[in-house]
Amino acid sequence: MVVLGVASVTPAFPLVMEALGVSAHQIGLVVTSFTIPGVVLTPVMGVLADRYGRKRTIVPSLILFGLAGFACGFARDFTLLLALRFLQGVGAAALGALNITIIGDLFSGTRRATALGLNASVLALAVAAYPILGGSLAYFGWFAPFFLPVLAVPLGLIVLTRLDNPEPTEHQKLGEYFLAIWAGIRNPQVLGLLLATMATFMIIYGPVLTYLPVYLNEVFNASSFSIGCIISAASLMTALVASQLGRLAARFSERRLFKVAFLVYAIACALLPHMDGLWWYILPIALFGLGQGLNLPSVQSLLTAYAPMEQRGAFMAVNGMALRLGQTIGPLVMGGLYAVFGMEGVFYGGSVVALVMFFSALVLVR
């Protein structure tokens, strides 16, 4: 469910543009309207999870995510679609942060790195499957992929009755709680990791998920199914690499792995405007997936180690806010670059973001 809200619908963007009469400049709002609530609400959800429990926060979130997402499939007006996506984003605000929080509660040390690597691998497989599934469903209409989130409703009931997770039992006074979180966030290494999360999702949700499908359709007349298959190459590579994170981290360190990942992102984005045929795009997209497998679980593992259980929900929620901020800014910034420089400006813009983050990480995360 963490990745379903975007990965399943982006292959249908060309059809949404045609059916609802929107431009390439506007289509990014389908992503942005979904991610904006998380920028504000993800920290709130983390605090609620620390103070009142993980299940009491995540179960209602799953149900709202599922029902609002299902309603998007019935929208026939772009404004209504954006409003329902916003409501769905309210439900999604807690999902990614609490997912990582619960894994951090259950594991420690090298087992945590391994578990987060496996978690990233599972998420990547979902990202690989959803574009193919969404692209296939889009043959029945642009709206069909939007029905998929209804699966979150029965999942919420399963979490409520079957998930056996620890819950925080000791609570600081509220003022002390927030001061402890603020002290942790001010750590330069933590700031560097939060910036890495934001930059990562600017790249994912800007050049790759929002504008690459439009580009492939315009230049190669690619179908939604073909676009989904190409994008899925990144996720398959991510799944393969992330599943080995425990071994890689033991040899090279998580700090080094996530820094290298941003160099890989820069190369992958720079290659995107230079492929000669549709299926050649599997190569830079797979390279991008390699960077994802090195980056995401490494950053998550480093961050979870900084916070005790009683503060971990809020701490990871701040990371979730950085994630949502990246998801929100990415399509907007790249949309501006598209308006001024065209599609090449979008892809080279992704490379610039990656290189800036690489040098920032060298300074902040040592």
Protein backbone atom coordinates (compact mmCIF):
# COMPACT_ATOMS: atom_id res chain seq x y z
CA MET A 1 0.00 0.00 0.00
CA VAL A 2 2.94 2.37 0.63
CA VAL A 3 3.74 2.56 -3.10
CA LEU A 4 0.33 1.79 -4.60
CA GLY A 5 -0.92 5.40 -4.56
CA VAL A 6 1.40 6.54 -7.36
CA ALA A 7 3.09 3.55 -8.98
CA SER A 8 -0.16 2.02 -10.24
CA VAL A 9 -1.56 5.16 -11.89
CA THR A 10 1.40 6.85 -13.63
CA PRO A 11 1.28 4.58 -16.73
CA ALA A 12 -2.27 5.83 -17.29
CA PHE A 13 -1.26 9.52 -17.27
CA PRO A 14 -1.40 9.91 -21.07
CA LEU A 15 -4.96 8.54 -21.02
CA VAL A 16 -5.92 10.81 -18.10
CA MET A 17 -4.63 13.80 -20.06
CA GLU A 18 -6.73 12.85 -23.08
CA ALA A 19 -9.91 11.94 -21.18
CA LEU A 20 -9.97 14.91 -18.81
CA GLY A 21 -8.43 17.47 -21.13
CA VAL A 22 -5.32 18.35 -19.14
CA SER A 23 -1.82 19.26 -20.31
CA ALA A 24 1.58 17.71 -19.55
CA HIS A 25 2.24 20.70 -17.31
CA GLN A 26 -0.89 19.92 -15.24
CA ILE A 27 -0.70 16.13 -15.01
CA GLY A 28 1.87 16.31 -12.21
CA LEU A 29 -0.92 17.63 -9.97
CA VAL A 30 -2.33 14.09 -9.78
CA VAL A 31 0.86 13.20 -7.88
CA THR A 32 1.21 16.49 -6.00
CA SER A 33 -2.36 16.53 -4.66
CA PHE A 34 -1.76 13.05 -3.24
CA THR A 35 1.57 13.90 -1.61
CA ILE A 36 0.85 17.37 -0.15
CA PRO A 37 -1.11 16.05 2.89
CA GLY A 38 1.86 13.93 3.90
CA VAL A 39 4.13 16.97 4.11
CA VAL A 40 1.99 18.34 6.95
CA LEU A 41 0.38 15.26 8.47
CA THR A 42 3.17 12.67 8.49
CA PRO A 43 4.86 14.19 11.60
CA VAL A 44 1.46 14.38 13.31
CA MET A 45 0.89 10.69 12.60
CA GLY A 46 4.31 9.86 14.00
CA VAL A 47 3.55 11.68 17.25
CA LEU A 48 0.20 9.89 17.52
CA ALA A 49 1.94 6.54 16.96
CA ASP A 50 4.43 7.29 19.75
CA ARG A 51 1.80 8.55 22.19
CA TYR A 52 -1.19 6.28 21.43
CA GLY A 53 0.24 3.27 19.63
CA ARG A 54 1.22 2.08 16.16
CA LYS A 55 -1.97 0.13 15.41
CA ARG A 56 -4.35 2.87 16.52
CA THR A 57 -2.71 5.13 13.97
CA ILE A 58 -2.07 2.88 11.00
CA VAL A 59 -5.38 0.98 10.83
CA PRO A 60 -7.66 4.04 10.32
CA SER A 61 -5.07 5.38 7.86
CA LEU A 62 -5.27 2.24 5.74
CA ILE A 63 -9.06 2.34 5.65
CA LEU A 64 -9.21 6.02 4.63
CA PHE A 65 -6.51 5.47 2.00
CA GLY A 66 -8.49 2.58 0.54
CA LEU A 67 -11.92 4.20 0.46
CA ALA A 68 -10.80 7.60 -0.87
CA GLY A 69 -8.57 5.94 -3.48
CA PHE A 70 -11.42 3.72 -4.64
CA ALA A 71 -13.63 6.81 -5.03
CA CYS A 72 -11.06 8.34 -7.43
CA GLY A 73 -12.06 5.73 -10.00
CA PHE A 74 -15.53 7.28 -10.20
CA ALA A 75 -14.32 10.86 -10.80
CA ARG A 76 -14.98 12.30 -14.26
CA ASP A 77 -13.76 15.81 -13.51
CA PHE A 78 -10.12 16.75 -13.00
CA THR A 79 -10.83 19.00 -10.02
CA LEU A 80 -12.84 16.27 -8.28
CA LEU A 81 -10.08 13.75 -9.00
CA LEU A 82 -7.53 16.06 -7.35
CA ALA A 83 -9.79 16.55 -4.31
CA LEU A 84 -10.20 12.80 -3.83
CA ARG A 85 -6.48 12.27 -4.33
CA PHE A 86 -5.87 14.82 -1.56
CA LEU A 87 -8.17 12.88 0.78
CA GLN A 88 -6.42 9.65 -0.17
CA GLY A 89 -3.11 11.36 0.64
CA VAL A 90 -4.40 12.11 4.15
CA GLY A 91 -4.79 8.35 4.65
CA ALA A 92 -1.40 7.66 3.09
CA ALA A 93 0.45 10.11 5.35
CA ALA A 94 1.15 7.52 8.07
CA LEU A 95 1.88 4.46 5.97
CA GLY A 96 5.51 4.74 4.86
CA ALA A 97 6.80 6.26 8.11
CA LEU A 98 5.08 3.74 10.39
CA ASN A 99 6.12 0.85 8.17
CA ILE A 100 9.78 1.72 8.82
CA THR A 101 9.07 2.57 12.47
CA ILE A 102 7.62 -0.86 13.21
CA ILE A 103 10.56 -2.60 11.53
CA GLY A 104 12.87 -0.44 13.64
CA ASP A 105 10.95 -1.53 16.75
CA LEU A 106 11.29 -5.20 15.87
CA PHE A 107 14.97 -5.37 14.82
CA SER A 108 18.34 -3.85 15.76
CA GLY A 109 21.95 -3.82 14.56
CA THR A 110 22.84 -5.74 11.43
CA ARG A 111 19.49 -7.54 11.56
CA ARG A 112 17.81 -4.14 11.16
CA ALA A 113 19.87 -3.39 8.02
CA THR A 114 18.99 -6.80 6.62
CA ALA A 115 15.29 -6.41 7.48
CA LEU A 116 15.11 -2.93 5.96
CA GLY A 117 16.87 -4.22 2.86
CA LEU A 118 14.31 -7.00 2.52
CA ASN A 119 11.53 -4.48 3.14
CA ALA A 120 12.89 -2.26 0.38
CA SER A 121 13.08 -5.31 -1.85
CA VAL A 122 9.40 -6.11 -1.22
CA LEU A 123 8.45 -2.50 -1.88
CA ALA A 124 10.47 -2.53 -5.09
CA LEU A 125 8.73 -5.68 -6.29
CA ALA A 126 5.43 -3.93 -5.62
CA VAL A 127 6.62 -0.91 -7.60
CA ALA A 128 7.59 -3.31 -10.41
CA ALA A 129 4.22 -5.05 -10.39
CA TYR A 130 1.94 -2.03 -10.02
CA PRO A 131 2.95 -0.18 -13.23
CA ILE A 132 2.37 -3.37 -15.22
CA LEU A 133 -0.93 -4.00 -13.44
CA GLY A 134 -1.97 -0.35 -13.72
CA GLY A 135 -0.96 -0.18 -17.38
CA SER A 136 -2.96 -3.35 -18.10
CA LEU A 137 -6.04 -2.07 -16.26
CA ALA A 138 -5.82 1.22 -18.17
CA TYR A 139 -6.91 -0.68 -21.30
CA PHE A 140 -10.37 -0.80 -19.67
CA GLY A 141 -10.32 2.96 -19.09
CA TRP A 142 -8.04 5.57 -17.55
CA PHE A 143 -9.97 5.26 -14.27
CA ALA A 144 -9.50 1.50 -13.76
CA PRO A 145 -6.09 1.65 -11.98
CA PHE A 146 -7.57 4.06 -9.42
CA PHE A 147 -9.79 1.28 -8.04
CA LEU A 148 -6.82 -0.74 -6.70
CA PRO A 149 -6.43 1.03 -3.31
CA VAL A 150 -9.65 -0.59 -2.04
CA LEU A 151 -7.37 -3.52 -1.12
CA ALA A 152 -6.15 -1.42 1.82
CA VAL A 153 -9.48 -1.87 3.61
CA PRO A 154 -9.23 -5.64 4.23
CA LEU A 155 -5.50 -5.17 4.87
CA GLY A 156 -6.34 -2.74 7.67
CA LEU A 157 -8.52 -5.39 9.30
CA ILE A 158 -5.71 -7.95 9.00
CA VAL A 159 -3.25 -5.54 10.64
CA LEU A 160 -5.73 -4.91 13.44
CA THR A 161 -6.22 -8.60 14.24
CA ARG A 162 -2.96 -10.28 13.21
CA LEU A 163 0.03 -7.91 13.47
CA ASP A 164 2.02 -8.76 16.63
CA ASN A 165 4.17 -5.68 17.19
CA PRO A 166 5.59 -3.97 20.30
CA GLU A 167 4.03 -0.67 21.36
CA PRO A 168 5.70 2.20 23.32
CA THR A 169 5.03 1.85 27.05
CA GLU A 170 7.06 4.73 28.55
CA HIS A 171 6.10 8.31 27.71
CA GLN A 172 8.08 11.46 28.39
CA LYS A 173 6.33 14.68 29.20
CA LEU A 174 5.20 16.25 25.94
CA GLY A 175 7.66 19.13 26.15
CA GLU A 176 10.60 16.83 26.84
CA TYR A 177 9.45 14.55 24.03
CA PHE A 178 9.52 17.33 21.43
CA LEU A 179 12.83 18.72 22.70
CA ALA A 180 14.43 15.28 22.35
CA ILE A 181 13.15 14.97 18.78
CA TRP A 182 14.35 18.47 17.89
CA ALA A 183 17.80 17.74 19.32
CA GLY A 184 18.05 14.62 17.17
CA ILE A 185 16.94 16.37 13.98
CA ARG A 186 19.49 19.17 14.46
CA ASN A 187 22.31 16.64 14.27
CA PRO A 188 24.14 17.47 10.98
CA GLN A 189 24.27 13.81 9.99
CA VAL A 190 20.53 13.45 10.49
CA LEU A 191 19.93 16.62 8.46
CA GLY A 192 22.05 15.14 5.69
CA LEU A 193 20.02 11.94 5.69
CA LEU A 194 16.74 13.86 5.63
CA LEU A 195 17.98 15.91 2.68
CA ALA A 196 18.94 12.67 0.96
CA THR A 197 15.39 11.38 1.35
CA MET A 198 13.92 14.58 -0.08
CA ALA A 199 16.34 14.65 -3.04
CA THR A 200 15.70 10.98 -3.79
CA PHE A 201 11.96 11.45 -4.09
CA MET A 202 12.33 14.66 -6.09
CA ILE A 203 14.14 12.56 -8.68
CA ILE A 204 11.77 9.59 -8.50
CA TYR A 205 8.56 11.60 -8.74
CA GLY A 206 9.87 14.25 -11.11
CA PRO A 207 11.86 12.91 -14.07
CA VAL A 208 11.15 9.19 -13.65
CA LEU A 209 7.53 8.62 -12.64
CA THR A 210 5.85 11.81 -13.87
CA TYR A 211 7.66 12.90 -17.03
CA LEU A 212 9.30 9.78 -18.43
CA PRO A 213 5.87 8.18 -19.20
CA VAL A 214 4.81 11.36 -21.03
CA TYR A 215 8.10 11.46 -22.96
CA LEU A 216 7.90 7.81 -24.01
CA ASN A 217 4.36 8.30 -25.22
CA GLU A 218 5.17 11.47 -27.17
CA VAL A 219 8.42 10.29 -28.78
CA PHE A 220 7.79 6.56 -29.28
CA ASN A 221 3.97 6.40 -29.09
CA ALA A 222 4.48 3.88 -26.26
CA SER A 223 1.42 2.20 -24.79
CA SER A 224 0.60 2.33 -21.09
CA PHE A 225 1.60 -1.34 -20.80
CA SER A 226 5.01 -0.74 -22.42
CA ILE A 227 5.65 2.26 -20.18
CA GLY A 228 4.79 0.16 -17.13
CA CYS A 229 7.20 -2.59 -18.19
CA ILE A 230 10.08 -0.15 -18.68
CA ILE A 231 9.56 1.59 -15.35
CA SER A 232 9.36 -1.79 -13.64
CA ALA A 233 12.95 -2.54 -14.67
CA ALA A 234 14.09 -0.07 -11.99
CA SER A 235 12.10 -1.84 -9.32
CA LEU A 236 13.37 -5.29 -10.21
CA MET A 237 16.96 -4.07 -9.95
CA THR A 238 16.16 -2.34 -6.65
CA ALA A 239 14.66 -5.55 -5.28
CA LEU A 240 17.76 -7.53 -6.23
CA VAL A 241 20.26 -5.06 -4.77
CA ALA A 242 18.28 -4.19 -1.62
CA SER A 243 17.85 -7.86 -0.73
CA GLN A 244 21.64 -8.01 -0.33
CA LEU A 245 21.97 -4.83 1.72
CA GLY A 246 23.00 -6.65 4.91
CA ARG A 247 26.03 -8.13 3.14
CA LEU A 248 26.89 -4.92 1.28
CA ALA A 249 26.62 -2.77 4.42
CA ALA A 250 28.89 -5.12 6.36
CA ARG A 251 31.56 -4.69 3.68
CA PHE A 252 31.23 -1.07 2.52
CA SER A 253 29.14 0.71 5.23
CA GLU A 254 25.71 2.22 4.77
CA ARG A 255 27.13 5.75 4.67
CA ARG A 256 29.28 4.98 1.65
CA LEU A 257 26.54 3.06 -0.16
CA PHE A 258 23.96 5.83 -0.15
CA LYS A 259 26.51 8.43 -1.30
CA VAL A 260 27.51 6.31 -4.28
CA ALA A 261 23.82 5.94 -5.12
CA PHE A 262 23.52 9.65 -5.95
CA LEU A 263 26.32 9.40 -8.50
CA VAL A 264 24.41 6.51 -10.06
CA TYR A 265 21.22 8.62 -10.15
CA ALA A 266 23.07 11.44 -11.90
CA ILE A 267 24.37 9.13 -14.63
CA ALA A 268 20.97 7.46 -15.12
CA CYS A 269 19.10 10.76 -15.50
CA ALA A 270 21.73 12.14 -17.89
CA LEU A 271 21.32 9.08 -20.14
CA LEU A 272 17.53 9.38 -20.46
CA PRO A 273 17.46 11.87 -23.37
CA HIS A 274 19.98 9.84 -25.41
CA MET A 275 18.39 6.41 -25.93
CA ASP A 276 17.78 5.49 -29.59
CA GLY A 277 14.79 3.19 -29.13
CA LEU A 278 11.97 2.53 -26.70
CA TRP A 279 13.34 -0.63 -25.09
CA TRP A 280 16.83 0.87 -24.69
CA TYR A 281 15.31 2.83 -21.82
CA ILE A 282 15.48 -0.31 -19.71
CA LEU A 283 19.24 0.34 -19.33
CA PRO A 284 19.18 3.77 -17.63
CA ILE A 285 16.06 2.80 -15.68
CA ALA A 286 17.78 -0.36 -14.38
CA LEU A 287 20.79 1.79 -13.45
CA PHE A 288 18.44 4.06 -11.54
CA GLY A 289 17.10 0.98 -9.75
CA LEU A 290 20.64 0.05 -8.71
CA GLY A 291 20.94 3.42 -7.01
CA GLN A 292 17.60 2.90 -5.27
CA GLY A 293 18.66 -0.44 -3.87
CA LEU A 294 21.81 1.09 -2.38
CA ASN A 295 20.21 4.28 -1.15
CA LEU A 296 16.77 3.87 0.40
CA PRO A 297 17.32 1.07 2.95
CA SER A 298 20.75 2.47 3.88
CA VAL A 299 19.28 5.87 4.76
CA GLN A 300 16.38 4.27 6.64
CA SER A 301 18.70 2.04 8.66
CA LEU A 302 20.96 4.94 9.61
CA LEU A 303 17.98 7.05 10.68
CA THR A 304 16.25 4.39 12.79
CA ALA A 305 19.47 3.92 14.76
CA TYR A 306 19.32 7.53 15.98
CA ALA A 307 15.95 7.35 17.79
CA PRO A 308 14.75 5.30 20.79
CA MET A 309 11.46 3.45 20.45
CA GLU A 310 9.48 6.09 22.37
CA GLN A 311 10.45 8.75 19.81
CA ARG A 312 10.95 6.62 16.71
CA GLY A 313 7.49 7.18 15.28
CA ALA A 314 7.89 10.97 15.19
CA PHE A 315 11.52 10.71 14.11
CA MET A 316 10.73 8.52 11.12
CA ALA A 317 7.67 10.65 10.42
CA VAL A 318 9.99 13.63 9.92
CA ASN A 319 11.78 11.48 7.35
CA GLY A 320 8.37 10.71 5.88
CA MET A 321 7.68 14.44 5.70
CA ALA A 322 10.95 14.90 3.81
CA LEU A 323 9.85 12.08 1.49
CA ARG A 324 6.46 13.72 0.87
CA LEU A 325 8.14 17.08 0.37
CA GLY A 326 10.36 15.53 -2.28
CA GLN A 327 7.35 13.88 -3.94
CA THR A 328 5.55 17.23 -3.95
CA ILE A 329 8.44 19.44 -5.07
CA GLY A 330 9.73 17.02 -7.71
CA PRO A 331 6.82 17.27 -10.19
CA LEU A 332 6.49 21.04 -9.60
CA VAL A 333 10.19 21.83 -10.12
CA MET A 334 10.47 19.51 -13.10
CA GLY A 335 7.24 20.96 -14.50
CA GLY A 336 8.88 24.39 -14.39
CA LEU A 337 11.99 23.04 -16.13
CA TYR A 338 9.75 21.38 -18.73
CA ALA A 339 7.98 24.68 -19.43
CA VAL A 340 11.30 26.51 -19.95
CA PHE A 341 13.74 23.92 -21.31
CA GLY A 342 11.57 21.06 -22.54
CA MET A 343 11.94 17.40 -21.62
CA GLU A 344 15.74 17.41 -21.75
CA GLY A 345 15.72 20.08 -19.05
CA VAL A 346 13.68 17.73 -16.84
CA PHE A 347 16.14 14.85 -17.18
CA TYR A 348 19.27 16.99 -16.77
CA GLY A 349 17.57 18.69 -13.81
CA GLY A 350 17.37 15.27 -12.15
CA SER A 351 21.12 14.85 -12.64
CA VAL A 352 21.82 18.24 -11.08
CA VAL A 353 19.71 17.41 -8.01
CA ALA A 354 21.59 14.11 -7.61
CA LEU A 355 25.04 15.75 -7.87
CA VAL A 356 24.15 18.51 -5.41
CA MET A 357 22.99 15.87 -2.94
CA PHE A 358 26.16 13.80 -3.44
CA PHE A 359 28.42 16.73 -2.48
CA SER A 360 26.11 17.71 0.38
CA ALA A 361 26.32 14.16 1.76
CA LEU A 362 30.11 14.24 1.63
CA VAL A 363 30.06 17.28 3.92
CA LEU A 364 27.20 16.37 6.29
CA VAL A 365 27.24 12.57 6.65
CA ARG A 366 30.71 11.40 7.67
